[in-house]
Amino acid sequence: MGMLLAVVVHAANIQDRDGARLVLCLLSKFKRIKLIWADAGYAGQLVSWVKIKLRSTLQIVRRCDDTKLFYILPRRWVVERTFGWLGRYRRLSKDYEQLTQCSETMIIIASINLMLHRISPG
C-alpha cells in the first residue's frame, strides 16, 4: 500500500547502504516481514546481514542493462509513488529542517495524514 513502517533520516556523509541498516534495525520488531525489496545500490554485504540479523530475505530488484527504454521495475513503483505522496507536503518538498529528528517527525506526520485519508470514509 506504500505506507511507512519505519523512518530514518541521516546525514549526507553516511552511505545509503549503511543507512539502510539503521532503518532495517527498526523493522526487526515486525516479525512477519520475510521479504524486503531494494534496488541495486543496496547489493553486497547488506543481503547477508539481513539474512543473519533479521532472518528475512533482501531481494535486489535490478534493471536490465540491455535496453535503453524506460520500463517499470517490479515493486520499485511503490517506493516512487510514496515519495510522490510525501512530496506534496510543503515541509517535505524542500529541506527546511535543520535537525534530522525534525525531518523524521514531519515524514511521520505526513504519513499519518495519508493513512487517515485512506481509512476515513468519503
PDB file of N, CA and C in Angstrom:
ATOM      1  N   MET A   1       0.814  -1.198   0.000  1.00  0.00           N
ATOM      2  CA  MET A   1       0.000   0.000   0.000  1.00  0.00           C
ATOM      3  C   MET A   1       0.853   1.256   0.000  1.00  0.00           C
ATOM      4  N   GLY A   2       2.130   1.137   0.279  1.00  0.00           N
ATOM      5  CA  GLY A   2       3.007   2.287   0.269  1.00  0.00           C
ATOM      6  C   GLY A   2       3.036   3.056   1.576  1.00  0.00           C
ATOM      7  N   MET A   3       2.486   2.481   2.634  1.00  0.00           N
ATOM      8  CA  MET A   3       2.527   3.145   3.937  1.00  0.00           C
ATOM      9  C   MET A   3       3.862   2.831   4.619  1.00  0.00           C
ATOM     10  N   LEU A   4       4.366   3.792   5.376  1.00  0.00           N
ATOM     11  CA  LEU A   4       5.675   3.630   6.004  1.00  0.00           C
ATOM     12  C   LEU A   4       5.577   2.819   7.288  1.00  0.00           C
ATOM     13  N   LEU A   5       6.544   1.965   7.496  1.00  0.00           N
ATOM     14  CA  LEU A   5       6.655   1.207   8.740  1.00  0.00           C
ATOM     15  C   LEU A   5       7.724   1.804   9.647  1.00  0.00           C
ATOM     16  N   ALA A   6       8.757   2.383   9.052  1.00  0.00           N
ATOM     17  CA  ALA A   6       9.859   2.967   9.823  1.00  0.00           C
ATOM     18  C   ALA A   6      10.487   4.086   9.002  1.00  0.00           C
ATOM     19  N   VAL A   7      11.021   5.072   9.701  1.00  0.00           N
ATOM     20  CA  VAL A   7      11.654   6.220   9.048  1.00  0.00           C
ATOM     21  C   VAL A   7      12.987   6.506   9.733  1.00  0.00           C
ATOM     22  N   VAL A   8      14.018   6.680   8.931  1.00  0.00           N
ATOM     23  CA  VAL A   8      15.315   7.131   9.439  1.00  0.00           C
ATOM     24  C   VAL A   8      15.834   8.180   8.469  1.00  0.00           C
ATOM     25  N   VAL A   9      16.126   9.354   8.987  1.00  0.00           N
ATOM     26  CA  VAL A   9      16.776  10.410   8.208  1.00  0.00           C
ATOM     27  C   VAL A   9      18.181  10.556   8.793  1.00  0.00           C
ATOM     28  N   HIS A  10      19.189  10.439   7.940  1.00  0.00           N
ATOM     29  CA  HIS A  10      20.565  10.532   8.430  1.00  0.00           C
ATOM     30  C   HIS A  10      21.330  11.583   7.644  1.00  0.00           C
ATOM     31  N   ALA A  11      22.482  11.933   8.134  1.00  0.00           N
ATOM     32  CA  ALA A  11      23.322  12.939   7.490  1.00  0.00           C
ATOM     33  C   ALA A  11      23.804  12.434   6.134  1.00  0.00           C
ATOM     34  N   ALA A  12      24.178  13.367   5.275  1.00  0.00           N
ATOM     35  CA  ALA A  12      24.602  13.018   3.922  1.00  0.00           C
ATOM     36  C   ALA A  12      25.949  12.306   3.884  1.00  0.00           C
ATOM     37  N   ASN A  13      26.714  12.361   4.967  1.00  0.00           N
ATOM     38  CA  ASN A  13      28.017  11.699   4.959  1.00  0.00           C
ATOM     39  C   ASN A  13      27.920  10.204   5.286  1.00  0.00           C
ATOM     40  N   ILE A  14      26.712   9.691   5.460  1.00  0.00           N
ATOM     41  CA  ILE A  14      26.502   8.258   5.690  1.00  0.00           C
ATOM     42  C   ILE A  14      26.038   7.633   4.377  1.00  0.00           C
ATOM     43  N   GLN A  15      26.715   6.588   3.946  1.00  0.00           N
ATOM     44  CA  GLN A  15      26.327   5.872   2.734  1.00  0.00           C
ATOM     45  C   GLN A  15      24.908   5.326   2.882  1.00  0.00           C
ATOM     46  N   ASP A  16      24.149   5.296   1.791  1.00  0.00           N
ATOM     47  CA  ASP A  16      22.786   4.763   1.837  1.00  0.00           C
ATOM     48  C   ASP A  16      22.778   3.308   2.318  1.00  0.00           C
ATOM     49  N   ARG A  17      23.779   2.553   1.918  1.00  0.00           N
ATOM     50  CA  ARG A  17      23.853   1.150   2.323  1.00  0.00           C
ATOM     51  C   ARG A  17      23.990   1.023   3.837  1.00  0.00           C
ATOM     52  N   ASP A  18      24.755   1.929   4.448  1.00  0.00           N
ATOM     53  CA  ASP A  18      24.906   1.926   5.906  1.00  0.00           C
ATOM     54  C   ASP A  18      23.653   2.474   6.584  1.00  0.00           C
ATOM     55  N   GLY A  19      23.037   3.462   5.960  1.00  0.00           N
ATOM     56  CA  GLY A  19      21.787   4.000   6.485  1.00  0.00           C
ATOM     57  C   GLY A  19      20.666   2.982   6.429  1.00  0.00           C
ATOM     58  N   ALA A  20      20.732   2.080   5.464  1.00  0.00           N
ATOM     59  CA  ALA A  20      19.720   1.032   5.353  1.00  0.00           C
ATOM     60  C   ALA A  20      19.742   0.131   6.591  1.00  0.00           C
ATOM     61  N   ARG A  21      20.897  -0.101   7.131  1.00  0.00           N
ATOM     62  CA  ARG A  21      20.982  -0.916   8.357  1.00  0.00           C
ATOM     63  C   ARG A  21      20.234  -0.253   9.502  1.00  0.00           C
ATOM     64  N   LEU A  22      20.285   1.083   9.572  1.00  0.00           N
ATOM     65  CA  LEU A  22      19.577   1.801  10.629  1.00  0.00           C
ATOM     66  C   LEU A  22      18.068   1.585  10.535  1.00  0.00           C
ATOM     67  N   VAL A  23      17.532   1.719   9.334  1.00  0.00           N
ATOM     68  CA  VAL A  23      16.084   1.552   9.178  1.00  0.00           C
ATOM     69  C   VAL A  23      15.687   0.078   9.268  1.00  0.00           C
ATOM     70  N   LEU A  24      16.531  -0.811   8.804  1.00  0.00           N
ATOM     71  CA  LEU A  24      16.210  -2.240   8.891  1.00  0.00           C
ATOM     72  C   LEU A  24      16.220  -2.722  10.335  1.00  0.00           C
ATOM     73  N   CYS A  25      17.054  -2.127  11.182  1.00  0.00           N
ATOM     74  CA  CYS A  25      17.020  -2.468  12.607  1.00  0.00           C
ATOM     75  C   CYS A  25      15.673  -2.100  13.215  1.00  0.00           C
ATOM     76  N   LEU A  26      15.091  -0.985  12.773  1.00  0.00           N
ATOM     77  CA  LEU A  26      13.766  -0.602  13.254  1.00  0.00           C
ATOM     78  C   LEU A  26      12.701  -1.592  12.777  1.00  0.00           C
ATOM     79  N   LEU A  27      12.914  -2.172  11.613  1.00  0.00           N
ATOM     80  CA  LEU A  27      11.955  -3.146  11.076  1.00  0.00           C
ATOM     81  C   LEU A  27      12.029  -4.493  11.784  1.00  0.00           C
ATOM     82  N   SER A  28      13.049  -4.703  12.583  1.00  0.00           N
ATOM     83  CA  SER A  28      13.211  -6.005  13.241  1.00  0.00           C
ATOM     84  C   SER A  28      12.073  -6.309  14.209  1.00  0.00           C
ATOM     85  N   LYS A  29      11.339  -5.303  14.654  1.00  0.00           N
ATOM     86  CA  LYS A  29      10.213  -5.557  15.559  1.00  0.00           C
ATOM     87  C   LYS A  29       8.998  -6.118  14.825  1.00  0.00           C
ATOM     88  N   PHE A  30       9.000  -6.035  13.500  1.00  0.00           N
ATOM     89  CA  PHE A  30       7.928  -6.621  12.698  1.00  0.00           C
ATOM     90  C   PHE A  30       8.347  -8.029  12.297  1.00  0.00           C
ATOM     91  N   LYS A  31       7.984  -9.000  13.089  1.00  0.00           N
ATOM     92  CA  LYS A  31       8.458 -10.375  12.894  1.00  0.00           C
ATOM     93  C   LYS A  31       7.897 -11.037  11.642  1.00  0.00           C
ATOM     94  N   ARG A  32       6.779 -10.522  11.122  1.00  0.00           N
ATOM     95  CA  ARG A  32       6.132 -11.162   9.979  1.00  0.00           C
ATOM     96  C   ARG A  32       6.762 -10.774   8.644  1.00  0.00           C
ATOM     97  N   ILE A  33       7.653  -9.803   8.641  1.00  0.00           N
ATOM     98  CA  ILE A  33       8.294  -9.385   7.391  1.00  0.00           C
ATOM     99  C   ILE A  33       9.335 -10.436   7.004  1.00  0.00           C
ATOM    100  N   LYS A  34       9.114 -11.055   5.867  1.00  0.00           N
ATOM    101  CA  LYS A  34      10.020 -12.096   5.392  1.00  0.00           C
ATOM    102  C   LYS A  34      10.757 -11.713   4.120  1.00  0.00           C
ATOM    103  N   LEU A  35      10.226 -10.730   3.372  1.00  0.00           N
ATOM    104  CA  LEU A  35      10.837 -10.342   2.102  1.00  0.00           C
ATOM    105  C   LEU A  35      10.919  -8.826   2.030  1.00  0.00           C
ATOM    106  N   ILE A  36      12.107  -8.321   1.700  1.00  0.00           N
ATOM    107  CA  ILE A  36      12.355  -6.886   1.564  1.00  0.00           C
ATOM    108  C   ILE A  36      12.942  -6.661   0.183  1.00  0.00           C
ATOM    109  N   TRP A  37      12.389  -5.700  -0.557  1.00  0.00           N
ATOM    110  CA  TRP A  37      12.911  -5.363  -1.877  1.00  0.00           C
ATOM    111  C   TRP A  37      13.802  -4.137  -1.769  1.00  0.00           C
ATOM    112  N   ALA A  38      14.877  -4.123  -2.551  1.00  0.00           N
ATOM    113  CA  ALA A  38      15.786  -2.975  -2.587  1.00  0.00           C
ATOM    114  C   ALA A  38      16.360  -2.857  -3.986  1.00  0.00           C
ATOM    115  N   ASP A  39      16.847  -1.656  -4.327  1.00  0.00           N
ATOM    116  CA  ASP A  39      17.458  -1.509  -5.645  1.00  0.00           C
ATOM    117  C   ASP A  39      18.931  -1.928  -5.596  1.00  0.00           C
ATOM    118  N   ALA A  40      19.567  -1.875  -6.736  1.00  0.00           N
ATOM    119  CA  ALA A  40      20.920  -2.432  -6.864  1.00  0.00           C
ATOM    120  C   ALA A  40      21.955  -1.715  -6.002  1.00  0.00           C
ATOM    121  N   GLY A  41      21.676  -0.502  -5.561  1.00  0.00           N
ATOM    122  CA  GLY A  41      22.612   0.222  -4.711  1.00  0.00           C
ATOM    123  C   GLY A  41      22.804  -0.420  -3.349  1.00  0.00           C
ATOM    124  N   TYR A  42      21.902  -1.304  -2.977  1.00  0.00           N
ATOM    125  CA  TYR A  42      21.970  -1.958  -1.672  1.00  0.00           C
ATOM    126  C   TYR A  42      22.489  -3.392  -1.758  1.00  0.00           C
ATOM    127  N   ALA A  43      22.994  -3.784  -2.904  1.00  0.00           N
ATOM    128  CA  ALA A  43      23.537  -5.134  -3.060  1.00  0.00           C
ATOM    129  C   ALA A  43      24.854  -5.251  -2.291  1.00  0.00           C
ATOM    130  N   GLY A  44      25.278  -6.460  -2.071  1.00  0.00           N
ATOM    131  CA  GLY A  44      26.552  -6.687  -1.384  1.00  0.00           C
ATOM    132  C   GLY A  44      26.356  -7.309  -0.022  1.00  0.00           C
ATOM    133  N   GLN A  45      27.102  -6.833   0.960  1.00  0.00           N
ATOM    134  CA  GLN A  45      27.079  -7.423   2.297  1.00  0.00           C
ATOM    135  C   GLN A  45      25.744  -7.234   3.014  1.00  0.00           C
ATOM    136  N   LEU A  46      24.969  -6.244   2.586  1.00  0.00           N
ATOM    137  CA  LEU A  46      23.680  -5.989   3.232  1.00  0.00           C
ATOM    138  C   LEU A  46      22.730  -7.178   3.082  1.00  0.00           C
ATOM    139  N   VAL A  47      22.833  -7.887   1.970  1.00  0.00           N
ATOM    140  CA  VAL A  47      21.959  -9.046   1.730  1.00  0.00           C
ATOM    141  C   VAL A  47      22.203 -10.119   2.789  1.00  0.00           C
ATOM    142  N   SER A  48      23.456 -10.442   3.051  1.00  0.00           N
ATOM    143  CA  SER A  48      23.760 -11.462   4.059  1.00  0.00           C
ATOM    144  C   SER A  48      23.485 -10.939   5.470  1.00  0.00           C
ATOM    145  N   TRP A  49      23.689  -9.645   5.711  1.00  0.00           N
ATOM    146  CA  TRP A  49      23.395  -9.054   7.020  1.00  0.00           C
ATOM    147  C   TRP A  49      21.912  -9.177   7.354  1.00  0.00           C
ATOM    148  N   VAL A  50      21.058  -8.914   6.372  1.00  0.00           N
ATOM    149  CA  VAL A  50      19.608  -9.038   6.588  1.00  0.00           C
ATOM    150  C   VAL A  50      19.239 -10.484   6.876  1.00  0.00           C
ATOM    151  N   LYS A  51      19.841 -11.400   6.159  1.00  0.00           N
ATOM    152  CA  LYS A  51      19.527 -12.826   6.363  1.00  0.00           C
ATOM    153  C   LYS A  51      19.915 -13.277   7.767  1.00  0.00           C
ATOM    154  N   ILE A  52      21.061 -12.825   8.259  1.00  0.00           N
ATOM    155  CA  ILE A  52      21.539 -13.230   9.582  1.00  0.00           C
ATOM    156  C   ILE A  52      20.813 -12.491  10.700  1.00  0.00           C
ATOM    157  N   LYS A  53      20.768 -11.170  10.618  1.00  0.00           N
ATOM    158  CA  LYS A  53      20.237 -10.357  11.716  1.00  0.00           C
ATOM    159  C   LYS A  53      18.713 -10.350  11.775  1.00  0.00           C
ATOM    160  N   LEU A  54      18.057 -10.245  10.624  1.00  0.00           N
ATOM    161  CA  LEU A  54      16.600 -10.095  10.605  1.00  0.00           C
ATOM    162  C   LEU A  54      15.860 -11.380  10.237  1.00  0.00           C
ATOM    163  N   ARG A  55      16.624 -12.368   9.788  1.00  0.00           N
ATOM    164  CA  ARG A  55      16.034 -13.632   9.334  1.00  0.00           C
ATOM    165  C   ARG A  55      14.979 -13.399   8.264  1.00  0.00           C
ATOM    166  N   SER A  56      15.301 -12.477   7.370  1.00  0.00           N
ATOM    167  CA  SER A  56      14.457 -12.141   6.233  1.00  0.00           C
ATOM    168  C   SER A  56      15.295 -12.230   4.969  1.00  0.00           C
ATOM    169  N   THR A  57      14.635 -12.082   3.833  1.00  0.00           N
ATOM    170  CA  THR A  57      15.324 -12.114   2.557  1.00  0.00           C
ATOM    171  C   THR A  57      15.323 -10.718   1.957  1.00  0.00           C
ATOM    172  N   LEU A  58      16.482 -10.211   1.594  1.00  0.00           N
ATOM    173  CA  LEU A  58      16.612  -8.945   0.897  1.00  0.00           C
ATOM    174  C   LEU A  58      16.788  -9.262  -0.576  1.00  0.00           C
ATOM    175  N   GLN A  59      15.746  -8.960  -1.362  1.00  0.00           N
ATOM    176  CA  GLN A  59      15.775  -9.253  -2.794  1.00  0.00           C
ATOM    177  C   GLN A  59      16.118  -7.972  -3.544  1.00  0.00           C
ATOM    178  N   ILE A  60      17.172  -8.031  -4.343  1.00  0.00           N
ATOM    179  CA  ILE A  60      17.634  -6.883  -5.108  1.00  0.00           C
ATOM    180  C   ILE A  60      16.874  -6.836  -6.434  1.00  0.00           C
ATOM    181  N   VAL A  61      16.205  -5.708  -6.702  1.00  0.00           N
ATOM    182  CA  VAL A  61      15.487  -5.502  -7.961  1.00  0.00           C
ATOM    183  C   VAL A  61      16.435  -4.794  -8.911  1.00  0.00           C
ATOM    184  N   ARG A  62      16.881  -5.512  -9.920  1.00  0.00           N
ATOM    185  CA  ARG A  62      17.854  -4.951 -10.854  1.00  0.00           C
ATOM    186  C   ARG A  62      17.169  -4.569 -12.161  1.00  0.00           C
ATOM    187  N   ARG A  63      17.713  -3.521 -12.777  1.00  0.00           N
ATOM    188  CA  ARG A  63      17.199  -3.146 -14.084  1.00  0.00           C
ATOM    189  C   ARG A  63      17.982  -3.893 -15.150  1.00  0.00           C
ATOM    190  N   CYS A  64      17.386  -4.049 -16.288  1.00  0.00           N
ATOM    191  CA  CYS A  64      18.022  -4.745 -17.399  1.00  0.00           C
ATOM    192  C   CYS A  64      18.915  -3.759 -18.140  1.00  0.00           C
ATOM    193  N   ASP A  65      20.200  -4.071 -18.267  1.00  0.00           N
ATOM    194  CA  ASP A  65      21.140  -3.182 -18.946  1.00  0.00           C
ATOM    195  C   ASP A  65      21.051  -3.280 -20.466  1.00  0.00           C
ATOM    196  N   ASP A  66      20.297  -4.271 -20.975  1.00  0.00           N
ATOM    197  CA  ASP A  66      20.212  -4.485 -22.416  1.00  0.00           C
ATOM    198  C   ASP A  66      19.388  -3.422 -23.128  1.00  0.00           C
ATOM    199  N   THR A  67      18.431  -2.841 -22.436  1.00  0.00           N
ATOM    200  CA  THR A  67      17.523  -1.897 -23.080  1.00  0.00           C
ATOM    201  C   THR A  67      17.782  -0.470 -22.612  1.00  0.00           C
ATOM    202  N   LYS A  68      17.563   0.466 -23.500  1.00  0.00           N
ATOM    203  CA  LYS A  68      17.716   1.879 -23.174  1.00  0.00           C
ATOM    204  C   LYS A  68      16.347   2.525 -22.930  1.00  0.00           C
ATOM    205  N   LEU A  69      15.293   1.761 -23.078  1.00  0.00           N
ATOM    206  CA  LEU A  69      13.939   2.271 -22.909  1.00  0.00           C
ATOM    207  C   LEU A  69      13.537   2.295 -21.443  1.00  0.00           C
ATOM    208  N   PHE A  70      12.563   3.130 -21.137  1.00  0.00           N
ATOM    209  CA  PHE A  70      12.009   3.177 -19.782  1.00  0.00           C
ATOM    210  C   PHE A  70      11.013   2.033 -19.603  1.00  0.00           C
ATOM    211  N   TYR A  71      11.116   1.348 -18.503  1.00  0.00           N
ATOM    212  CA  TYR A  71      10.098   0.379 -18.132  1.00  0.00           C
ATOM    213  C   TYR A  71      10.021   0.303 -16.618  1.00  0.00           C
ATOM    214  N   ILE A  72       8.883  -0.096 -16.139  1.00  0.00           N
ATOM    215  CA  ILE A  72       8.632  -0.120 -14.704  1.00  0.00           C
ATOM    216  C   ILE A  72       9.275  -1.356 -14.093  1.00  0.00           C
ATOM    217  N   LEU A  73      10.077  -1.140 -13.058  1.00  0.00           N
ATOM    218  CA  LEU A  73      10.702  -2.253 -12.352  1.00  0.00           C
ATOM    219  C   LEU A  73       9.716  -2.823 -11.341  1.00  0.00           C
ATOM    220  N   PRO A  74       9.745  -4.120 -11.118  1.00  0.00           N
ATOM    221  CA  PRO A  74       8.818  -4.728 -10.161  1.00  0.00           C
ATOM    222  C   PRO A  74       8.975  -4.120  -8.776  1.00  0.00           C
ATOM    223  N   ARG A  75       7.875  -3.714  -8.176  1.00  0.00           N
ATOM    224  CA  ARG A  75       7.760  -3.184  -6.816  1.00  0.00           C
ATOM    225  C   ARG A  75       8.471  -1.861  -6.600  1.00  0.00           C
ATOM    226  N   ARG A  76       9.297  -1.404  -7.525  1.00  0.00           N
ATOM    227  CA  ARG A  76      10.004  -0.130  -7.370  1.00  0.00           C
ATOM    228  C   ARG A  76       9.038   1.047  -7.434  1.00  0.00           C
ATOM    229  N   TRP A  77       7.968   0.894  -8.191  1.00  0.00           N
ATOM    230  CA  TRP A  77       7.000   1.965  -8.347  1.00  0.00           C
ATOM    231  C   TRP A  77       6.314   2.304  -7.030  1.00  0.00           C
ATOM    232  N   VAL A  78       6.209   1.346  -6.121  1.00  0.00           N
ATOM    233  CA  VAL A  78       5.571   1.601  -4.823  1.00  0.00           C
ATOM    234  C   VAL A  78       6.388   2.635  -4.045  1.00  0.00           C
ATOM    235  N   VAL A  79       7.699   2.503  -4.071  1.00  0.00           N
ATOM    236  CA  VAL A  79       8.575   3.437  -3.375  1.00  0.00           C
ATOM    237  C   VAL A  79       8.472   4.824  -4.003  1.00  0.00           C
ATOM    238  N   GLU A  80       8.547   4.890  -5.324  1.00  0.00           N
ATOM    239  CA  GLU A  80       8.492   6.180  -6.012  1.00  0.00           C
ATOM    240  C   GLU A  80       7.144   6.849  -5.805  1.00  0.00           C
ATOM    241  N   ARG A  81       6.060   6.076  -5.800  1.00  0.00           N
ATOM    242  CA  ARG A  81       4.731   6.631  -5.559  1.00  0.00           C
ATOM    243  C   ARG A  81       4.643   7.213  -4.151  1.00  0.00           C
ATOM    244  N   THR A  82       5.201   6.517  -3.167  1.00  0.00           N
ATOM    245  CA  THR A  82       5.182   7.009  -1.792  1.00  0.00           C
ATOM    246  C   THR A  82       5.985   8.300  -1.673  1.00  0.00           C
ATOM    247  N   PHE A  83       7.138   8.380  -2.331  1.00  0.00           N
ATOM    248  CA  PHE A  83       7.912   9.625  -2.342  1.00  0.00           C
ATOM    249  C   PHE A  83       7.093  10.760  -2.968  1.00  0.00           C
ATOM    250  N   GLY A  84       6.337  10.443  -4.008  1.00  0.00           N
ATOM    251  CA  GLY A  84       5.486  11.440  -4.644  1.00  0.00           C
ATOM    252  C   GLY A  84       4.406  11.944  -3.696  1.00  0.00           C
ATOM    253  N   TRP A  85       3.783  11.021  -2.959  1.00  0.00           N
ATOM    254  CA  TRP A  85       2.762  11.417  -1.976  1.00  0.00           C
ATOM    255  C   TRP A  85       3.369  12.337  -0.932  1.00  0.00           C
ATOM    256  N   LEU A  86       4.529  11.970  -0.409  1.00  0.00           N
ATOM    257  CA  LEU A  86       5.162  12.770   0.640  1.00  0.00           C
ATOM    258  C   LEU A  86       5.636  14.124   0.119  1.00  0.00           C
ATOM    259  N   GLY A  87       6.020  14.181  -1.146  1.00  0.00           N
ATOM    260  CA  GLY A  87       6.493  15.436  -1.728  1.00  0.00           C
ATOM    261  C   GLY A  87       5.413  16.488  -1.864  1.00  0.00           C
ATOM    262  N   ARG A  88       4.150  16.101  -1.736  1.00  0.00           N
ATOM    263  CA  ARG A  88       3.049  17.063  -1.807  1.00  0.00           C
ATOM    264  C   ARG A  88       2.949  17.932  -0.558  1.00  0.00           C
ATOM    265  N   TYR A  89       3.584  17.514   0.510  1.00  0.00           N
ATOM    266  CA  TYR A  89       3.544  18.287   1.751  1.00  0.00           C
ATOM    267  C   TYR A  89       4.638  19.349   1.701  1.00  0.00           C
ATOM    268  N   ARG A  90       4.254  20.590   1.983  1.00  0.00           N
ATOM    269  CA  ARG A  90       5.161  21.721   1.827  1.00  0.00           C
ATOM    270  C   ARG A  90       6.453  21.547   2.618  1.00  0.00           C
ATOM    271  N   ARG A  91       6.358  21.085   3.842  1.00  0.00           N
ATOM    272  CA  ARG A  91       7.549  20.948   4.683  1.00  0.00           C
ATOM    273  C   ARG A  91       8.475  19.837   4.187  1.00  0.00           C
ATOM    274  N   LEU A  92       7.979  18.968   3.334  1.00  0.00           N
ATOM    275  CA  LEU A  92       8.809  17.890   2.797  1.00  0.00           C
ATOM    276  C   LEU A  92       9.237  18.149   1.357  1.00  0.00           C
ATOM    277  N   SER A  93       8.713  19.219   0.744  1.00  0.00           N
ATOM    278  CA  SER A  93       9.058  19.490  -0.648  1.00  0.00           C
ATOM    279  C   SER A  93      10.495  20.002  -0.798  1.00  0.00           C
ATOM    280  N   LYS A  94      11.007  20.622   0.232  1.00  0.00           N
ATOM    281  CA  LYS A  94      12.395  21.095   0.274  1.00  0.00           C
ATOM    282  C   LYS A  94      12.984  20.689   1.619  1.00  0.00           C
ATOM    283  N   ASP A  95      14.258  20.880   1.781  1.00  0.00           N
ATOM    284  CA  ASP A  95      14.908  20.523   3.040  1.00  0.00           C
ATOM    285  C   ASP A  95      14.883  21.741   3.966  1.00  0.00           C
ATOM    286  N   TYR A  96      13.747  21.966   4.629  1.00  0.00           N
ATOM    287  CA  TYR A  96      13.591  23.118   5.509  1.00  0.00           C
ATOM    288  C   TYR A  96      14.155  22.862   6.905  1.00  0.00           C
ATOM    289  N   GLU A  97      14.204  21.629   7.328  1.00  0.00           N
ATOM    290  CA  GLU A  97      14.552  21.297   8.712  1.00  0.00           C
ATOM    291  C   GLU A  97      16.063  21.351   8.921  1.00  0.00           C
ATOM    292  N   GLN A  98      16.474  21.733  10.135  1.00  0.00           N
ATOM    293  CA  GLN A  98      17.896  21.756  10.470  1.00  0.00           C
ATOM    294  C   GLN A  98      18.327  20.482  11.181  1.00  0.00           C
ATOM    295  N   LEU A  99      17.393  19.814  11.844  1.00  0.00           N
ATOM    296  CA  LEU A  99      17.709  18.589  12.573  1.00  0.00           C
ATOM    297  C   LEU A  99      17.075  17.389  11.873  1.00  0.00           C
ATOM    298  N   THR A 100      17.797  16.274  11.874  1.00  0.00           N
ATOM    299  CA  THR A 100      17.253  15.076  11.243  1.00  0.00           C
ATOM    300  C   THR A 100      16.007  14.574  11.978  1.00  0.00           C
ATOM    301  N   GLN A 101      15.953  14.786  13.294  1.00  0.00           N
ATOM    302  CA  GLN A 101      14.778  14.360  14.062  1.00  0.00           C
ATOM    303  C   GLN A 101      13.527  15.116  13.613  1.00  0.00           C
ATOM    304  N   CYS A 102      13.688  16.396  13.281  1.00  0.00           N
ATOM    305  CA  CYS A 102      12.549  17.186  12.791  1.00  0.00           C
ATOM    306  C   CYS A 102      12.076  16.667  11.435  1.00  0.00           C
ATOM    307  N   SER A 103      13.019  16.293  10.570  1.00  0.00           N
ATOM    308  CA  SER A 103      12.646  15.735   9.269  1.00  0.00           C
ATOM    309  C   SER A 103      11.903  14.421   9.439  1.00  0.00           C
ATOM    310  N   GLU A 104      12.395  13.568  10.324  1.00  0.00           N
ATOM    311  CA  GLU A 104      11.706  12.297  10.582  1.00  0.00           C
ATOM    312  C   GLU A 104      10.293  12.535  11.094  1.00  0.00           C
ATOM    313  N   THR A 105      10.147  13.493  11.993  1.00  0.00           N
ATOM    314  CA  THR A 105       8.833  13.791  12.561  1.00  0.00           C
ATOM    315  C   THR A 105       7.877  14.299  11.493  1.00  0.00           C
ATOM    316  N   MET A 106       8.340  15.161  10.599  1.00  0.00           N
ATOM    317  CA  MET A 106       7.471  15.670   9.533  1.00  0.00           C
ATOM    318  C   MET A 106       7.050  14.554   8.582  1.00  0.00           C
ATOM    319  N   ILE A 107       7.934  13.616   8.315  1.00  0.00           N
ATOM    320  CA  ILE A 107       7.582  12.470   7.468  1.00  0.00           C
ATOM    321  C   ILE A 107       6.526  11.619   8.159  1.00  0.00           C
ATOM    322  N   ILE A 108       6.672  11.406   9.448  1.00  0.00           N
ATOM    323  CA  ILE A 108       5.696  10.615  10.204  1.00  0.00           C
ATOM    324  C   ILE A 108       4.342  11.312  10.227  1.00  0.00           C
ATOM    325  N   ILE A 109       4.327  12.624  10.426  1.00  0.00           N
ATOM    326  CA  ILE A 109       3.072  13.369  10.431  1.00  0.00           C
ATOM    327  C   ILE A 109       2.389  13.283   9.064  1.00  0.00           C
ATOM    328  N   ALA A 110       3.152  13.442   7.995  1.00  0.00           N
ATOM    329  CA  ALA A 110       2.584  13.333   6.651  1.00  0.00           C
ATOM    330  C   ALA A 110       2.043  11.926   6.404  1.00  0.00           C
ATOM    331  N   SER A 111       2.745  10.907   6.887  1.00  0.00           N
ATOM    332  CA  SER A 111       2.295   9.525   6.719  1.00  0.00           C
ATOM    333  C   SER A 111       1.007   9.262   7.488  1.00  0.00           C
ATOM    334  N   ILE A 112       0.902   9.819   8.678  1.00  0.00           N
ATOM    335  CA  ILE A 112      -0.325   9.675   9.464  1.00  0.00           C
ATOM    336  C   ILE A 112      -1.485  10.330   8.713  1.00  0.00           C
ATOM    337  N   ASN A 113      -1.241  11.507   8.164  1.00  0.00           N
ATOM    338  CA  ASN A 113      -2.279  12.200   7.399  1.00  0.00           C
ATOM    339  C   ASN A 113      -2.711  11.366   6.195  1.00  0.00           C
ATOM    340  N   LEU A 114      -1.760  10.810   5.467  1.00  0.00           N
ATOM    341  CA  LEU A 114      -2.084   9.950   4.321  1.00  0.00           C
ATOM    342  C   LEU A 114      -2.903   8.738   4.752  1.00  0.00           C
ATOM    343  N   MET A 115      -2.494   8.108   5.847  1.00  0.00           N
ATOM    344  CA  MET A 115      -3.199   6.925   6.321  1.00  0.00           C
ATOM    345  C   MET A 115      -4.632   7.272   6.746  1.00  0.00           C
ATOM    346  N   LEU A 116      -4.801   8.385   7.443  1.00  0.00           N
ATOM    347  CA  LEU A 116      -6.136   8.798   7.865  1.00  0.00           C
ATOM    348  C   LEU A 116      -7.046   9.075   6.676  1.00  0.00           C
ATOM    349  N   HIS A 117      -6.506   9.679   5.627  1.00  0.00           N
ATOM    350  CA  HIS A 117      -7.310   9.914   4.427  1.00  0.00           C
ATOM    351  C   HIS A 117      -7.681   8.611   3.722  1.00  0.00           C
ATOM    352  N   ARG A 118      -6.843   7.603   3.838  1.00  0.00           N
ATOM    353  CA  ARG A 118      -7.143   6.320   3.192  1.00  0.00           C
ATOM    354  C   ARG A 118      -8.212   5.524   3.939  1.00  0.00           C
ATOM    355  N   ILE A 119      -8.220   5.640   5.271  1.00  0.00           N
ATOM    356  CA  ILE A 119      -9.160   4.820   6.033  1.00  0.00           C
ATOM    357  C   ILE A 119     -10.472   5.542   6.359  1.00  0.00           C
ATOM    358  N   SER A 120     -10.502   6.870   6.211  1.00  0.00           N
ATOM    359  CA  SER A 120     -11.726   7.606   6.553  1.00  0.00           C
ATOM    360  C   SER A 120     -12.707   7.523   5.384  1.00  0.00           C
ATOM    361  N   PRO A 121     -13.979   7.327   5.688  1.00  0.00           N
ATOM    362  CA  PRO A 121     -14.971   7.242   4.604  1.00  0.00           C
ATOM    363  C   PRO A 121     -15.220   8.616   3.971  1.00  0.00           C
ATOM    364  N   GLY A 122     -15.332   8.616   2.651  1.00  0.00           N
ATOM    365  CA  GLY A 122     -15.664   9.848   1.919  1.00  0.00           C
ATOM    366  C   GLY A 122     -14.564  10.813   1.974  1.00  0.00           C
TER     367      GLY A 122
END
